[in-house]
Amino acid sequence: MKLLLDQGLPLSAAALLRDAGIDTIHVGEIGMSEAEDAEIIQRAREEKRVVATLDADFHTLLALTQATTPSVIRIRIERLRSQALAHLLLAVIAECEEDLEQGAAVTVEPSRIRIRRLPLLPDV
């Protein structure tokens, strides 16, 4: 599993995740801290990374384009410090690894994890 952490997440969490054996980069480490969401999605797609973000716009972009990649983990828990974020992402990966590998939009809330497979299609 390879991760790309978005700007709103702590930069130091990338190192903690790397220490735990997860290939992780933060947008701030690769000169993309001010990149548009679509650029981050494209970078993740090219590098076969899962995007981790606080931003709902990533799921919206996936839906609008009916994309099948990349998977996106949206975290709806505010003010997570690096260590807590790293533990949370490790738990999400453990629970959702197969879905993430096949293409999914995952939403992490304090009391639950929601998984929707890609492409995100409108309800009929």
PDB file of N, CA and C in Angstrom:
ATOM      1  N   MET A   1       0.851  -1.180   0.000  1.00  0.00           N
ATOM      2  CA  MET A   1       0.000   0.000   0.000  1.00  0.00           C
ATOM      3  C   MET A   1       0.891   1.236   0.000  1.00  0.00           C
ATOM      4  N   LYS A   2       0.533   2.193  -0.855  1.00  0.00           N
ATOM      5  CA  LYS A   2       1.273   3.448  -0.958  1.00  0.00           C
ATOM      6  C   LYS A   2       0.298   4.591  -0.714  1.00  0.00           C
ATOM      7  N   LEU A   3       0.699   5.550   0.115  1.00  0.00           N
ATOM      8  CA  LEU A   3      -0.170   6.669   0.474  1.00  0.00           C
ATOM      9  C   LEU A   3       0.407   7.996   0.008  1.00  0.00           C
ATOM     10  N   LEU A   4      -0.508   8.933  -0.262  1.00  0.00           N
ATOM     11  CA  LEU A   4      -0.171  10.325  -0.525  1.00  0.00           C
ATOM     12  C   LEU A   4      -1.019  11.159   0.432  1.00  0.00           C
ATOM     13  N   LEU A   5      -0.368  11.823   1.390  1.00  0.00           N
ATOM     14  CA  LEU A   5      -1.082  12.619   2.385  1.00  0.00           C
ATOM     15  C   LEU A   5      -1.291  14.036   1.864  1.00  0.00           C
ATOM     16  N   ASP A   6      -2.513  14.510   1.992  1.00  0.00           N
ATOM     17  CA  ASP A   6      -2.876  15.843   1.532  1.00  0.00           C
ATOM     18  C   ASP A   6      -2.402  16.896   2.527  1.00  0.00           C
ATOM     19  N   GLN A   7      -2.470  18.152   2.101  1.00  0.00           N
ATOM     20  CA  GLN A   7      -1.924  19.275   2.844  1.00  0.00           C
ATOM     21  C   GLN A   7      -2.468  19.432   4.261  1.00  0.00           C
ATOM     22  N   GLY A   8      -3.720  19.173   4.502  1.00  0.00           N
ATOM     23  CA  GLY A   8      -4.294  19.398   5.827  1.00  0.00           C
ATOM     24  C   GLY A   8      -3.837  18.418   6.889  1.00  0.00           C
ATOM     25  N   LEU A   9      -3.130  17.388   6.481  1.00  0.00           N
ATOM     26  CA  LEU A   9      -2.665  16.363   7.421  1.00  0.00           C
ATOM     27  C   LEU A   9      -1.235  16.658   7.850  1.00  0.00           C
ATOM     28  N   PRO A  10      -0.866  16.261   9.071  1.00  0.00           N
ATOM     29  CA  PRO A  10       0.484  16.570   9.572  1.00  0.00           C
ATOM     30  C   PRO A  10       1.592  15.942   8.721  1.00  0.00           C
ATOM     31  N   LEU A  11       2.544  16.760   8.334  1.00  0.00           N
ATOM     32  CA  LEU A  11       3.681  16.304   7.537  1.00  0.00           C
ATOM     33  C   LEU A  11       4.439  15.181   8.239  1.00  0.00           C
ATOM     34  N   SER A  12       4.593  15.299   9.535  1.00  0.00           N
ATOM     35  CA  SER A  12       5.376  14.299  10.282  1.00  0.00           C
ATOM     36  C   SER A  12       4.712  12.931  10.310  1.00  0.00           C
ATOM     37  N   ALA A  13       3.424  12.849   9.989  1.00  0.00           N
ATOM     38  CA  ALA A  13       2.748  11.551   9.937  1.00  0.00           C
ATOM     39  C   ALA A  13       3.314  10.684   8.817  1.00  0.00           C
ATOM     40  N   ALA A  14       3.794  11.308   7.751  1.00  0.00           N
ATOM     41  CA  ALA A  14       4.373  10.537   6.644  1.00  0.00           C
ATOM     42  C   ALA A  14       5.570   9.721   7.122  1.00  0.00           C
ATOM     43  N   ALA A  15       6.432  10.327   7.922  1.00  0.00           N
ATOM     44  CA  ALA A  15       7.604   9.604   8.437  1.00  0.00           C
ATOM     45  C   ALA A  15       7.182   8.469   9.370  1.00  0.00           C
ATOM     46  N   LEU A  16       6.179   8.719  10.193  1.00  0.00           N
ATOM     47  CA  LEU A  16       5.694   7.666  11.101  1.00  0.00           C
ATOM     48  C   LEU A  16       5.140   6.485  10.311  1.00  0.00           C
ATOM     49  N   LEU A  17       4.413   6.772   9.254  1.00  0.00           N
ATOM     50  CA  LEU A  17       3.863   5.693   8.425  1.00  0.00           C
ATOM     51  C   LEU A  17       4.971   4.953   7.680  1.00  0.00           C
ATOM     52  N   ARG A  18       5.971   5.684   7.209  1.00  0.00           N
ATOM     53  CA  ARG A  18       7.119   5.014   6.574  1.00  0.00           C
ATOM     54  C   ARG A  18       7.814   4.095   7.571  1.00  0.00           C
ATOM     55  N   ASP A  19       7.976   4.569   8.814  1.00  0.00           N
ATOM     56  CA  ASP A  19       8.591   3.738   9.859  1.00  0.00           C
ATOM     57  C   ASP A  19       7.787   2.471  10.112  1.00  0.00           C
ATOM     58  N   ALA A  20       6.459   2.544   9.878  1.00  0.00           N
ATOM     59  CA  ALA A  20       5.575   1.386  10.076  1.00  0.00           C
ATOM     60  C   ALA A  20       5.512   0.506   8.822  1.00  0.00           C
ATOM     61  N   GLY A  21       6.293   0.863   7.797  1.00  0.00           N
ATOM     62  CA  GLY A  21       6.366   0.020   6.608  1.00  0.00           C
ATOM     63  C   GLY A  21       5.425   0.406   5.481  1.00  0.00           C
ATOM     64  N   ILE A  22       4.779   1.576   5.579  1.00  0.00           N
ATOM     65  CA  ILE A  22       3.872   2.039   4.531  1.00  0.00           C
ATOM     66  C   ILE A  22       4.591   3.095   3.687  1.00  0.00           C
ATOM     67  N   ASP A  23       4.694   2.871   2.400  1.00  0.00           N
ATOM     68  CA  ASP A  23       5.317   3.820   1.478  1.00  0.00           C
ATOM     69  C   ASP A  23       4.428   5.064   1.433  1.00  0.00           C
ATOM     70  N   THR A  24       4.865   6.131   2.086  1.00  0.00           N
ATOM     71  CA  THR A  24       4.040   7.333   2.255  1.00  0.00           C
ATOM     72  C   THR A  24       4.818   8.590   1.903  1.00  0.00           C
ATOM     73  N   ILE A  25       4.144   9.477   1.162  1.00  0.00           N
ATOM     74  CA  ILE A  25       4.691  10.807   0.918  1.00  0.00           C
ATOM     75  C   ILE A  25       3.610  11.829   1.262  1.00  0.00           C
ATOM     76  N   HIS A  26       4.049  13.008   1.624  1.00  0.00           N
ATOM     77  CA  HIS A  26       3.147  14.120   1.936  1.00  0.00           C
ATOM     78  C   HIS A  26       3.310  15.141   0.812  1.00  0.00           C
ATOM     79  N   VAL A  27       2.214  15.785   0.422  1.00  0.00           N
ATOM     80  CA  VAL A  27       2.302  16.759  -0.674  1.00  0.00           C
ATOM     81  C   VAL A  27       3.365  17.822  -0.400  1.00  0.00           C
ATOM     82  N   GLY A  28       3.587  18.149   0.865  1.00  0.00           N
ATOM     83  CA  GLY A  28       4.600  19.137   1.225  1.00  0.00           C
ATOM     84  C   GLY A  28       6.020  18.671   0.962  1.00  0.00           C
ATOM     85  N   GLU A  29       6.223  17.360   0.881  1.00  0.00           N
ATOM     86  CA  GLU A  29       7.559  16.812   0.622  1.00  0.00           C
ATOM     87  C   GLU A  29       7.900  16.802  -0.865  1.00  0.00           C
ATOM     88  N   ILE A  30       6.885  16.956  -1.714  1.00  0.00           N
ATOM     89  CA  ILE A  30       7.119  16.835  -3.156  1.00  0.00           C
ATOM     90  C   ILE A  30       6.716  18.102  -3.914  1.00  0.00           C
ATOM     91  N   GLY A  31       6.662  19.218  -3.192  1.00  0.00           N
ATOM     92  CA  GLY A  31       6.385  20.493  -3.829  1.00  0.00           C
ATOM     93  C   GLY A  31       4.959  20.673  -4.316  1.00  0.00           C
ATOM     94  N   MET A  32       4.010  19.945  -3.717  1.00  0.00           N
ATOM     95  CA  MET A  32       2.612  20.034  -4.158  1.00  0.00           C
ATOM     96  C   MET A  32       1.694  20.598  -3.081  1.00  0.00           C
ATOM     97  N   SER A  33       2.246  21.324  -2.120  1.00  0.00           N
ATOM     98  CA  SER A  33       1.421  21.808  -1.012  1.00  0.00           C
ATOM     99  C   SER A  33       0.350  22.800  -1.456  1.00  0.00           C
ATOM    100  N   GLU A  34       0.533  23.429  -2.612  1.00  0.00           N
ATOM    101  CA  GLU A  34      -0.478  24.349  -3.122  1.00  0.00           C
ATOM    102  C   GLU A  34      -1.138  23.830  -4.401  1.00  0.00           C
ATOM    103  N   ALA A  35      -0.962  22.543  -4.678  1.00  0.00           N
ATOM    104  CA  ALA A  35      -1.513  21.955  -5.899  1.00  0.00           C
ATOM    105  C   ALA A  35      -3.035  21.844  -5.812  1.00  0.00           C
ATOM    106  N   GLU A  36      -3.660  21.894  -6.974  1.00  0.00           N
ATOM    107  CA  GLU A  36      -5.104  21.678  -7.060  1.00  0.00           C
ATOM    108  C   GLU A  36      -5.406  20.208  -6.755  1.00  0.00           C
ATOM    109  N   ASP A  37      -6.613  19.970  -6.272  1.00  0.00           N
ATOM    110  CA  ASP A  37      -7.018  18.602  -5.939  1.00  0.00           C
ATOM    111  C   ASP A  37      -6.881  17.665  -7.141  1.00  0.00           C
ATOM    112  N   ALA A  38      -7.251  18.141  -8.320  1.00  0.00           N
ATOM    113  CA  ALA A  38      -7.162  17.303  -9.526  1.00  0.00           C
ATOM    114  C   ALA A  38      -5.716  16.901  -9.819  1.00  0.00           C
ATOM    115  N   GLU A  39      -4.764  17.794  -9.529  1.00  0.00           N
ATOM    116  CA  GLU A  39      -3.344  17.478  -9.740  1.00  0.00           C
ATOM    117  C   GLU A  39      -2.886  16.398  -8.746  1.00  0.00           C
ATOM    118  N   ILE A  40      -3.370  16.501  -7.524  1.00  0.00           N
ATOM    119  CA  ILE A  40      -3.010  15.507  -6.502  1.00  0.00           C
ATOM    120  C   ILE A  40      -3.593  14.150  -6.869  1.00  0.00           C
ATOM    121  N   ILE A  41      -4.838  14.151  -7.335  1.00  0.00           N
ATOM    122  CA  ILE A  41      -5.459  12.897  -7.780  1.00  0.00           C
ATOM    123  C   ILE A  41      -4.644  12.287  -8.918  1.00  0.00           C
ATOM    124  N   GLN A  42      -4.238  13.099  -9.869  1.00  0.00           N
ATOM    125  CA  GLN A  42      -3.470  12.588 -11.007  1.00  0.00           C
ATOM    126  C   GLN A  42      -2.126  12.020 -10.555  1.00  0.00           C
ATOM    127  N   ARG A  43      -1.451  12.710  -9.652  1.00  0.00           N
ATOM    128  CA  ARG A  43      -0.170  12.209  -9.134  1.00  0.00           C
ATOM    129  C   ARG A  43      -0.372  10.864  -8.433  1.00  0.00           C
ATOM    130  N   ALA A  44      -1.419  10.774  -7.607  1.00  0.00           N
ATOM    131  CA  ALA A  44      -1.704   9.518  -6.908  1.00  0.00           C
ATOM    132  C   ALA A  44      -2.015   8.400  -7.910  1.00  0.00           C
ATOM    133  N   ARG A  45      -2.771   8.730  -8.932  1.00  0.00           N
ATOM    134  CA  ARG A  45      -3.106   7.730  -9.959  1.00  0.00           C
ATOM    135  C   ARG A  45      -1.847   7.230 -10.649  1.00  0.00           C
ATOM    136  N   GLU A  46      -0.967   8.156 -11.041  1.00  0.00           N
ATOM    137  CA  GLU A  46       0.268   7.779 -11.740  1.00  0.00           C
ATOM    138  C   GLU A  46       1.168   6.911 -10.875  1.00  0.00           C
ATOM    139  N   GLU A  47       1.210   7.196  -9.569  1.00  0.00           N
ATOM    140  CA  GLU A  47       2.107   6.466  -8.668  1.00  0.00           C
ATOM    141  C   GLU A  47       1.406   5.331  -7.930  1.00  0.00           C
ATOM    142  N   LYS A  48       0.141   5.085  -8.283  1.00  0.00           N
ATOM    143  CA  LYS A  48      -0.658   4.031  -7.642  1.00  0.00           C
ATOM    144  C   LYS A  48      -0.670   4.197  -6.117  1.00  0.00           C
ATOM    145  N   ARG A  49      -0.990   5.437  -5.705  1.00  0.00           N
ATOM    146  CA  ARG A  49      -1.079   5.761  -4.287  1.00  0.00           C
ATOM    147  C   ARG A  49      -2.529   5.998  -3.896  1.00  0.00           C
ATOM    148  N   VAL A  50      -2.827   5.788  -2.630  1.00  0.00           N
ATOM    149  CA  VAL A  50      -4.117   6.115  -2.043  1.00  0.00           C
ATOM    150  C   VAL A  50      -3.980   7.496  -1.423  1.00  0.00           C
ATOM    151  N   VAL A  51      -4.914   8.396  -1.732  1.00  0.00           N
ATOM    152  CA  VAL A  51      -4.892   9.743  -1.164  1.00  0.00           C
ATOM    153  C   VAL A  51      -5.563   9.707   0.202  1.00  0.00           C
ATOM    154  N   ALA A  52      -4.930  10.302   1.205  1.00  0.00           N
ATOM    155  CA  ALA A  52      -5.547  10.504   2.523  1.00  0.00           C
ATOM    156  C   ALA A  52      -5.733  12.002   2.691  1.00  0.00           C
ATOM    157  N   THR A  53      -6.948  12.428   3.050  1.00  0.00           N
ATOM    158  CA  THR A  53      -7.267  13.847   3.075  1.00  0.00           C
ATOM    159  C   THR A  53      -8.363  14.160   4.088  1.00  0.00           C
ATOM    160  N   LEU A  54      -8.488  15.441   4.416  1.00  0.00           N
ATOM    161  CA  LEU A  54      -9.620  15.937   5.202  1.00  0.00           C
ATOM    162  C   LEU A  54     -10.678  16.543   4.282  1.00  0.00           C
ATOM    163  N   ASP A  55     -10.367  16.664   3.017  1.00  0.00           N
ATOM    164  CA  ASP A  55     -11.120  17.435   2.041  1.00  0.00           C
ATOM    165  C   ASP A  55     -12.181  16.596   1.319  1.00  0.00           C
ATOM    166  N   ALA A  56     -13.449  16.998   1.413  1.00  0.00           N
ATOM    167  CA  ALA A  56     -14.554  16.299   0.745  1.00  0.00           C
ATOM    168  C   ALA A  56     -14.482  16.436  -0.773  1.00  0.00           C
ATOM    169  N   ASP A  57     -13.753  17.436  -1.262  1.00  0.00           N
ATOM    170  CA  ASP A  57     -13.699  17.670  -2.705  1.00  0.00           C
ATOM    171  C   ASP A  57     -13.116  16.487  -3.476  1.00  0.00           C
ATOM    172  N   PHE A  58     -12.270  15.704  -2.863  1.00  0.00           N
ATOM    173  CA  PHE A  58     -11.678  14.564  -3.563  1.00  0.00           C
ATOM    174  C   PHE A  58     -12.748  13.545  -3.945  1.00  0.00           C
ATOM    175  N   HIS A  59     -13.659  13.235  -3.026  1.00  0.00           N
ATOM    176  CA  HIS A  59     -14.737  12.302  -3.346  1.00  0.00           C
ATOM    177  C   HIS A  59     -15.629  12.889  -4.431  1.00  0.00           C
ATOM    178  N   THR A  60     -15.869  14.192  -4.372  1.00  0.00           N
ATOM    179  CA  THR A  60     -16.687  14.856  -5.395  1.00  0.00           C
ATOM    180  C   THR A  60     -16.032  14.734  -6.764  1.00  0.00           C
ATOM    181  N   LEU A  61     -14.724  14.986  -6.845  1.00  0.00           N
ATOM    182  CA  LEU A  61     -14.013  14.857  -8.119  1.00  0.00           C
ATOM    183  C   LEU A  61     -14.066  13.436  -8.661  1.00  0.00           C
ATOM    184  N   LEU A  62     -13.926  12.458  -7.784  1.00  0.00           N
ATOM    185  CA  LEU A  62     -14.023  11.064  -8.225  1.00  0.00           C
ATOM    186  C   LEU A  62     -15.407  10.781  -8.806  1.00  0.00           C
ATOM    187  N   ALA A  63     -16.439  11.294  -8.148  1.00  0.00           N
ATOM    188  CA  ALA A  63     -17.813  11.065  -8.611  1.00  0.00           C
ATOM    189  C   ALA A  63     -18.066  11.760  -9.943  1.00  0.00           C
ATOM    190  N   LEU A  64     -17.650  13.019 -10.061  1.00  0.00           N
ATOM    191  CA  LEU A  64     -17.912  13.784 -11.283  1.00  0.00           C
ATOM    192  C   LEU A  64     -17.245  13.170 -12.506  1.00  0.00           C
ATOM    193  N   THR A  65     -16.083  12.568 -12.308  1.00  0.00           N
ATOM    194  CA  THR A  65     -15.343  11.989 -13.429  1.00  0.00           C
ATOM    195  C   THR A  65     -15.571  10.486 -13.565  1.00  0.00           C
ATOM    196  N   GLN A  66     -16.363   9.916 -12.671  1.00  0.00           N
ATOM    197  CA  GLN A  66     -16.620   8.469 -12.640  1.00  0.00           C
ATOM    198  C   GLN A  66     -15.307   7.686 -12.666  1.00  0.00           C
ATOM    199  N   ALA A  67     -14.340   8.202 -11.926  1.00  0.00           N
ATOM    200  CA  ALA A  67     -13.004   7.603 -11.882  1.00  0.00           C
ATOM    201  C   ALA A  67     -13.019   6.246 -11.175  1.00  0.00           C
ATOM    202  N   THR A  68     -12.119   5.385 -11.585  1.00  0.00           N
ATOM    203  CA  THR A  68     -11.955   4.091 -10.932  1.00  0.00           C
ATOM    204  C   THR A  68     -10.693   4.067 -10.068  1.00  0.00           C
ATOM    205  N   THR A  69      -9.856   5.097 -10.204  1.00  0.00           N
ATOM    206  CA  THR A  69      -8.666   5.274  -9.370  1.00  0.00           C
ATOM    207  C   THR A  69      -8.443   6.763  -9.200  1.00  0.00           C
ATOM    208  N   PRO A  70      -7.716   7.201  -8.227  1.00  0.00           N
ATOM    209  CA  PRO A  70      -7.154   6.436  -7.110  1.00  0.00           C
ATOM    210  C   PRO A  70      -8.179   6.290  -5.994  1.00  0.00           C
ATOM    211  N   SER A  71      -7.902   5.406  -5.071  1.00  0.00           N
ATOM    212  CA  SER A  71      -8.713   5.338  -3.864  1.00  0.00           C
ATOM    213  C   SER A  71      -8.423   6.567  -3.019  1.00  0.00           C
ATOM    214  N   VAL A  72      -9.433   7.005  -2.279  1.00  0.00           N
ATOM    215  CA  VAL A  72      -9.287   8.172  -1.410  1.00  0.00           C
ATOM    216  C   VAL A  72      -9.843   7.836  -0.032  1.00  0.00           C
ATOM    217  N   ILE A  73      -9.068   8.152   0.989  1.00  0.00           N
ATOM    218  CA  ILE A  73      -9.523   8.037   2.377  1.00  0.00           C
ATOM    219  C   ILE A  73      -9.784   9.453   2.875  1.00  0.00           C
ATOM    220  N   ARG A  74     -11.054   9.756   3.130  1.00  0.00           N
ATOM    221  CA  ARG A  74     -11.404  11.064   3.684  1.00  0.00           C
ATOM    222  C   ARG A  74     -11.582  10.915   5.183  1.00  0.00           C
ATOM    223  N   ILE A  75     -10.824  11.688   5.930  1.00  0.00           N
ATOM    224  CA  ILE A  75     -10.873  11.623   7.387  1.00  0.00           C
ATOM    225  C   ILE A  75     -11.752  12.761   7.895  1.00  0.00           C
ATOM    226  N   ARG A  76     -12.805  12.385   8.612  1.00  0.00           N
ATOM    227  CA  ARG A  76     -13.723  13.384   9.165  1.00  0.00           C
ATOM    228  C   ARG A  76     -13.555  13.479  10.681  1.00  0.00           C
ATOM    229  N   ILE A  77     -12.304  13.481  11.101  1.00  0.00           N
ATOM    230  CA  ILE A  77     -11.960  13.642  12.511  1.00  0.00           C
ATOM    231  C   ILE A  77     -10.949  14.779  12.544  1.00  0.00           C
ATOM    232  N   GLU A  78     -11.287  15.835  13.235  1.00  0.00           N
ATOM    233  CA  GLU A  78     -10.434  17.025  13.206  1.00  0.00           C
ATOM    234  C   GLU A  78      -9.331  16.986  14.249  1.00  0.00           C
ATOM    235  N   ARG A  79      -8.286  17.749  13.959  1.00  0.00           N
ATOM    236  CA  ARG A  79      -7.172  17.986  14.870  1.00  0.00           C
ATOM    237  C   ARG A  79      -6.451  16.714  15.328  1.00  0.00           C
ATOM    238  N   LEU A  80      -6.280  15.775  14.431  1.00  0.00           N
ATOM    239  CA  LEU A  80      -5.500  14.589  14.769  1.00  0.00           C
ATOM    240  C   LEU A  80      -4.021  14.937  14.734  1.00  0.00           C
ATOM    241  N   ARG A  81      -3.310  14.542  15.754  1.00  0.00           N
ATOM    242  CA  ARG A  81      -1.860  14.721  15.754  1.00  0.00           C
ATOM    243  C   ARG A  81      -1.233  13.571  14.956  1.00  0.00           C
ATOM    244  N   SER A  82       0.025  13.729  14.641  1.00  0.00           N
ATOM    245  CA  SER A  82       0.722  12.783  13.765  1.00  0.00           C
ATOM    246  C   SER A  82       0.584  11.331  14.197  1.00  0.00           C
ATOM    247  N   GLN A  83       0.855  11.065  15.461  1.00  0.00           N
ATOM    248  CA  GLN A  83       0.821   9.681  15.949  1.00  0.00           C
ATOM    249  C   GLN A  83      -0.594   9.103  15.842  1.00  0.00           C
ATOM    250  N   ALA A  84      -1.595   9.881  16.235  1.00  0.00           N
ATOM    251  CA  ALA A  84      -2.985   9.411  16.159  1.00  0.00           C
ATOM    252  C   ALA A  84      -3.397   9.186  14.708  1.00  0.00           C
ATOM    253  N   LEU A  85      -2.980  10.071  13.819  1.00  0.00           N
ATOM    254  CA  LEU A  85      -3.304   9.910  12.401  1.00  0.00           C
ATOM    255  C   LEU A  85      -2.652   8.654  11.838  1.00  0.00           C
ATOM    256  N   ALA A  86      -1.394   8.442  12.158  1.00  0.00           N
ATOM    257  CA  ALA A  86      -0.688   7.252  11.669  1.00  0.00           C
ATOM    258  C   ALA A  86      -1.389   5.984  12.145  1.00  0.00           C
ATOM    259  N   HIS A  87      -1.762   5.926  13.426  1.00  0.00           N
ATOM    260  CA  HIS A  87      -2.469   4.748  13.950  1.00  0.00           C
ATOM    261  C   HIS A  87      -3.815   4.569  13.261  1.00  0.00           C
ATOM    262  N   LEU A  88      -4.526   5.672  13.051  1.00  0.00           N
ATOM    263  CA  LEU A  88      -5.822   5.608  12.387  1.00  0.00           C
ATOM    264  C   LEU A  88      -5.669   5.073  10.963  1.00  0.00           C
ATOM    265  N   LEU A  89      -4.724   5.602  10.211  1.00  0.00           N
ATOM    266  CA  LEU A  89      -4.543   5.146   8.833  1.00  0.00           C
ATOM    267  C   LEU A  89      -4.102   3.690   8.770  1.00  0.00           C
ATOM    268  N   LEU A  90      -3.268   3.260   9.695  1.00  0.00           N
ATOM    269  CA  LEU A  90      -2.881   1.846   9.737  1.00  0.00           C
ATOM    270  C   LEU A  90      -4.094   0.954   9.987  1.00  0.00           C
ATOM    271  N   ALA A  91      -4.989   1.397  10.865  1.00  0.00           N
ATOM    272  CA  ALA A  91      -6.212   0.628  11.152  1.00  0.00           C
ATOM    273  C   ALA A  91      -7.135   0.601   9.939  1.00  0.00           C
ATOM    274  N   VAL A  92      -7.273   1.738   9.270  1.00  0.00           N
ATOM    275  CA  VAL A  92      -8.130   1.802   8.074  1.00  0.00           C
ATOM    276  C   VAL A  92      -7.578   0.900   6.975  1.00  0.00           C
ATOM    277  N   ILE A  93      -6.272   0.950   6.772  1.00  0.00           N
ATOM    278  CA  ILE A  93      -5.650   0.091   5.760  1.00  0.00           C
ATOM    279  C   ILE A  93      -5.888  -1.377   6.094  1.00  0.00           C
ATOM    280  N   ALA A  94      -5.702  -1.743   7.351  1.00  0.00           N
ATOM    281  CA  ALA A  94      -5.912  -3.140   7.759  1.00  0.00           C
ATOM    282  C   ALA A  94      -7.350  -3.584   7.492  1.00  0.00           C
ATOM    283  N   GLU A  95      -8.296  -2.707   7.759  1.00  0.00           N
ATOM    284  CA  GLU A  95      -9.706  -3.061   7.606  1.00  0.00           C
ATOM    285  C   GLU A  95     -10.184  -2.990   6.155  1.00  0.00           C
ATOM    286  N   CYS A  96      -9.631  -2.080   5.374  1.00  0.00           N
ATOM    287  CA  CYS A  96     -10.161  -1.784   4.037  1.00  0.00           C
ATOM    288  C   CYS A  96      -9.182  -2.083   2.911  1.00  0.00           C
ATOM    289  N   GLU A  97      -8.132  -2.826   3.174  1.00  0.00           N
ATOM    290  CA  GLU A  97      -7.047  -2.977   2.201  1.00  0.00           C
ATOM    291  C   GLU A  97      -7.539  -3.478   0.838  1.00  0.00           C
ATOM    292  N   GLU A  98      -8.363  -4.505   0.826  1.00  0.00           N
ATOM    293  CA  GLU A  98      -8.836  -5.055  -0.448  1.00  0.00           C
ATOM    294  C   GLU A  98      -9.638  -4.015  -1.231  1.00  0.00           C
ATOM    295  N   ASP A  99     -10.534  -3.300  -0.545  1.00  0.00           N
ATOM    296  CA  ASP A  99     -11.319  -2.260  -1.212  1.00  0.00           C
ATOM    297  C   ASP A  99     -10.416  -1.162  -1.753  1.00  0.00           C
ATOM    298  N   LEU A 100      -9.442  -0.732  -0.954  1.00  0.00           N
ATOM    299  CA  LEU A 100      -8.530   0.323  -1.385  1.00  0.00           C
ATOM    300  C   LEU A 100      -7.711  -0.111  -2.603  1.00  0.00           C
ATOM    301  N   GLU A 101      -7.305  -1.363  -2.641  1.00  0.00           N
ATOM    302  CA  GLU A 101      -6.528  -1.857  -3.772  1.00  0.00           C
ATOM    303  C   GLU A 101      -7.358  -1.911  -5.049  1.00  0.00           C
ATOM    304  N   GLN A 102      -8.667  -2.128  -4.908  1.00  0.00           N
ATOM    305  CA  GLN A 102      -9.533  -2.253  -6.078  1.00  0.00           C
ATOM    306  C   GLN A 102     -10.186  -0.941  -6.492  1.00  0.00           C
ATOM    307  N   GLY A 103     -10.085   0.090  -5.656  1.00  0.00           N
ATOM    308  CA  GLY A 103     -10.656   1.395  -5.957  1.00  0.00           C
ATOM    309  C   GLY A 103     -11.847   1.688  -5.077  1.00  0.00           C
ATOM    310  N   ALA A 104     -11.669   2.600  -4.123  1.00  0.00           N
ATOM    311  CA  ALA A 104     -12.746   2.908  -3.181  1.00  0.00           C
ATOM    312  C   ALA A 104     -12.632   4.335  -2.666  1.00  0.00           C
ATOM    313  N   ALA A 105     -13.791   4.852  -2.285  1.00  0.00           N
ATOM    314  CA  ALA A 105     -13.875   6.120  -1.568  1.00  0.00           C
ATOM    315  C   ALA A 105     -14.251   5.753  -0.138  1.00  0.00           C
ATOM    316  N   VAL A 106     -13.327   5.969   0.769  1.00  0.00           N
ATOM    317  CA  VAL A 106     -13.513   5.586   2.162  1.00  0.00           C
ATOM    318  C   VAL A 106     -13.684   6.858   2.992  1.00  0.00           C
ATOM    319  N   THR A 107     -14.692   6.862   3.838  1.00  0.00           N
ATOM    320  CA  THR A 107     -14.906   7.984   4.746  1.00  0.00           C
ATOM    321  C   THR A 107     -14.748   7.478   6.164  1.00  0.00           C
ATOM    322  N   VAL A 108     -13.846   8.114   6.929  1.00  0.00           N
ATOM    323  CA  VAL A 108     -13.566   7.705   8.293  1.00  0.00           C
ATOM    324  C   VAL A 108     -14.174   8.744   9.235  1.00  0.00           C
ATOM    325  N   GLU A 109     -15.115   8.299  10.051  1.00  0.00           N
ATOM    326  CA  GLU A 109     -15.762   9.150  11.048  1.00  0.00           C
ATOM    327  C   GLU A 109     -15.390   8.617  12.427  1.00  0.00           C
ATOM    328  N   PRO A 110     -15.663   9.382  13.476  1.00  0.00           N
ATOM    329  CA  PRO A 110     -15.275   8.914  14.808  1.00  0.00           C
ATOM    330  C   PRO A 110     -15.838   7.542  15.183  1.00  0.00           C
ATOM    331  N   SER A 111     -17.038   7.222  14.713  1.00  0.00           N
ATOM    332  CA  SER A 111     -17.668   5.974  15.145  1.00  0.00           C
ATOM    333  C   SER A 111     -17.842   4.937  14.046  1.00  0.00           C
ATOM    334  N   ARG A 112     -17.405   5.257  12.805  1.00  0.00           N
ATOM    335  CA  ARG A 112     -17.579   4.267  11.743  1.00  0.00           C
ATOM    336  C   ARG A 112     -16.701   4.584  10.542  1.00  0.00           C
ATOM    337  N   ILE A 113     -16.597   3.573   9.668  1.00  0.00           N
ATOM    338  CA  ILE A 113     -15.902   3.702   8.388  1.00  0.00           C
ATOM    339  C   ILE A 113     -16.894   3.321   7.301  1.00  0.00           C
ATOM    340  N   ARG A 114     -17.068   4.216   6.319  1.00  0.00           N
ATOM    341  CA  ARG A 114     -17.941   3.919   5.180  1.00  0.00           C
ATOM    342  C   ARG A 114     -17.072   3.681   3.954  1.00  0.00           C
ATOM    343  N   ILE A 115     -17.427   2.661   3.187  1.00  0.00           N
ATOM    344  CA  ILE A 115     -16.666   2.303   1.996  1.00  0.00           C
ATOM    345  C   ILE A 115     -17.617   2.292   0.803  1.00  0.00           C
ATOM    346  N   ARG A 116     -17.243   3.019  -0.235  1.00  0.00           N
ATOM    347  CA  ARG A 116     -17.982   2.972  -1.499  1.00  0.00           C
ATOM    348  C   ARG A 116     -16.989   2.633  -2.594  1.00  0.00           C
ATOM    349  N   ARG A 117     -17.318   1.618  -3.381  1.00  0.00           N
ATOM    350  CA  ARG A 117     -16.433   1.197  -4.466  1.00  0.00           C
ATOM    351  C   ARG A 117     -16.501   2.185  -5.621  1.00  0.00           C
ATOM    352  N   LEU A 118     -15.397   2.343  -6.299  1.00  0.00           N
ATOM    353  CA  LEU A 118     -15.320   3.199  -7.478  1.00  0.00           C
ATOM    354  C   LEU A 118     -15.696   2.393  -8.718  1.00  0.00           C
ATOM    355  N   PRO A 119     -16.294   3.014  -9.718  1.00  0.00           N
ATOM    356  CA  PRO A 119     -16.639   4.436  -9.802  1.00  0.00           C
ATOM    357  C   PRO A 119     -17.864   4.762  -8.950  1.00  0.00           C
ATOM    358  N   LEU A 120     -17.924   6.004  -8.481  1.00  0.00           N
ATOM    359  CA  LEU A 120     -19.065   6.485  -7.725  1.00  0.00           C
ATOM    360  C   LEU A 120     -20.132   6.919  -8.712  1.00  0.00           C
ATOM    361  N   LEU A 121     -21.186   6.135  -8.795  1.00  0.00           N
ATOM    362  CA  LEU A 121     -22.256   6.430  -9.744  1.00  0.00           C
ATOM    363  C   LEU A 121     -23.468   6.955  -9.005  1.00  0.00           C
ATOM    364  N   PRO A 122     -24.260   7.807  -9.648  1.00  0.00           N
ATOM    365  CA  PRO A 122     -25.456   8.331  -8.992  1.00  0.00           C
ATOM    366  C   PRO A 122     -26.455   7.213  -8.712  1.00  0.00           C
ATOM    367  N   ASP A 123     -27.192   7.356  -7.624  1.00  0.00           N
ATOM    368  CA  ASP A 123     -28.240   6.394  -7.310  1.00  0.00           C
ATOM    369  C   ASP A 123     -29.339   6.507  -8.356  1.00  0.00           C
ATOM    370  N   VAL A 124     -29.799   5.366  -8.816  1.00  0.00           N
ATOM    371  CA  VAL A 124     -30.840   5.367  -9.854  1.00  0.00           C
ATOM    372  C   VAL A 124     -32.193   5.165  -9.261  1.00  0.00           C
TER     373      VAL A 124
END
